[in-house]
Amino acid sequence: MDKVAKSGLPTNEFIIKCTNRAKIKAPIDLKPVVRELKRIGTNLNQLTAKANSGVIRVFDLSDTNKELAEIYKLLNEIYDANS
């Protein structure tokens, strides 16, 4: 019954899909991940702005920006695969 609950489908629909060998996708709640990534992006933008204005000295953050962009790309792929 755990697979049925994770699928979010009624039991009868789950059984029908299993007998048809259809793929059953469990819904993934990405909201907490997206929320945290937005916070990280906001903090990164604030650091970049302060560094550009001379308020603070930081190392090159371009690699960090690239990594964050890659995370967003992968997150979009996960979302698309589950829609």
Protein backbone atom coordinates (compact mmCIF):
# COMPACT_ATOMS: atom_id res chain seq x y z
CA MET A 1 0.00 0.00 0.00
CA ASP A 2 3.00 2.31 0.40
CA LYS A 3 3.41 2.60 -3.38
CA VAL A 4 -0.28 3.37 -3.75
CA ALA A 5 -0.07 6.15 -1.17
CA LYS A 6 3.07 7.62 -2.75
CA SER A 7 1.49 7.60 -6.21
CA GLY A 8 -1.40 9.79 -5.06
CA LEU A 9 -3.77 7.66 -7.15
CA PRO A 10 -6.90 5.86 -5.99
CA THR A 11 -6.17 2.17 -5.39
CA ASN A 12 -8.23 0.96 -8.35
CA GLU A 13 -6.49 3.37 -10.76
CA PHE A 14 -3.11 2.32 -9.39
CA ILE A 15 -3.90 -1.35 -10.01
CA ILE A 16 -5.12 -0.60 -13.55
CA LYS A 17 -1.94 1.30 -14.34
CA CYS A 18 0.16 -1.55 -12.92
CA THR A 19 -1.62 -4.10 -15.06
CA ASN A 20 -1.13 -1.89 -18.11
CA ARG A 21 2.56 -1.56 -17.17
CA ALA A 22 2.18 2.19 -17.23
CA LYS A 23 4.78 4.25 -15.41
CA ILE A 24 3.48 5.65 -12.16
CA LYS A 25 5.14 8.84 -11.03
CA ALA A 26 5.11 9.84 -7.40
CA PRO A 27 4.45 13.54 -6.96
CA ILE A 28 7.51 15.42 -5.80
CA ASP A 29 7.10 18.49 -3.63
CA LEU A 30 9.80 20.82 -4.93
CA LYS A 31 8.50 23.93 -3.18
CA PRO A 32 10.92 23.75 -0.20
CA VAL A 33 13.87 23.21 -2.54
CA VAL A 34 12.84 26.08 -4.81
CA ARG A 35 12.29 28.36 -1.80
CA GLU A 36 15.78 27.62 -0.48
CA LEU A 37 17.37 28.11 -3.91
CA LYS A 38 15.65 31.49 -4.21
CA ARG A 39 17.09 32.48 -0.83
CA ILE A 40 20.55 31.39 -1.92
CA GLY A 41 20.18 33.33 -5.17
CA THR A 42 19.04 36.42 -3.30
CA ASN A 43 22.01 36.21 -0.92
CA LEU A 44 24.37 35.72 -3.85
CA ASN A 45 22.93 38.76 -5.63
CA GLN A 46 23.33 40.85 -2.46
CA LEU A 47 26.96 39.76 -2.11
CA THR A 48 27.62 40.54 -5.76
CA ALA A 49 26.06 44.01 -5.44
CA LYS A 50 28.11 44.79 -2.32
CA ALA A 51 31.28 43.52 -3.98
CA ASN A 52 30.63 45.62 -7.08
CA SER A 53 30.03 48.73 -4.97
CA GLY A 54 33.25 48.18 -3.01
CA VAL A 55 31.53 47.64 0.34
CA ILE A 56 33.09 44.19 0.68
CA ARG A 57 35.89 42.30 -1.02
CA VAL A 58 35.05 38.85 -2.29
CA PHE A 59 36.51 36.29 -4.56
CA ASP A 60 35.14 35.69 -8.03
CA LEU A 61 31.55 34.45 -7.68
CA SER A 62 31.05 33.56 -11.34
CA ASP A 63 31.59 29.84 -10.66
CA THR A 64 29.01 30.00 -7.90
CA ASN A 65 26.55 31.67 -10.27
CA LYS A 66 27.18 28.94 -12.87
CA GLU A 67 26.58 26.20 -10.29
CA LEU A 68 23.34 27.84 -9.16
CA ALA A 69 22.19 28.06 -12.79
CA GLU A 70 22.97 24.34 -13.22
CA ILE A 71 20.92 23.52 -10.12
CA TYR A 72 17.96 25.46 -11.55
CA LYS A 73 18.36 23.61 -14.86
CA LEU A 74 18.33 20.20 -13.13
CA LEU A 75 15.39 21.23 -11.00
CA ASN A 76 13.45 22.17 -14.13
CA GLU A 77 14.27 18.77 -15.65
CA ILE A 78 12.95 17.02 -12.55
CA TYR A 79 9.80 19.12 -12.64
CA ASP A 80 9.25 18.46 -16.36
CA ALA A 81 9.76 14.72 -15.89
CA ASN A 82 7.09 14.65 -13.21
CA SER A 83 4.46 16.79 -14.92
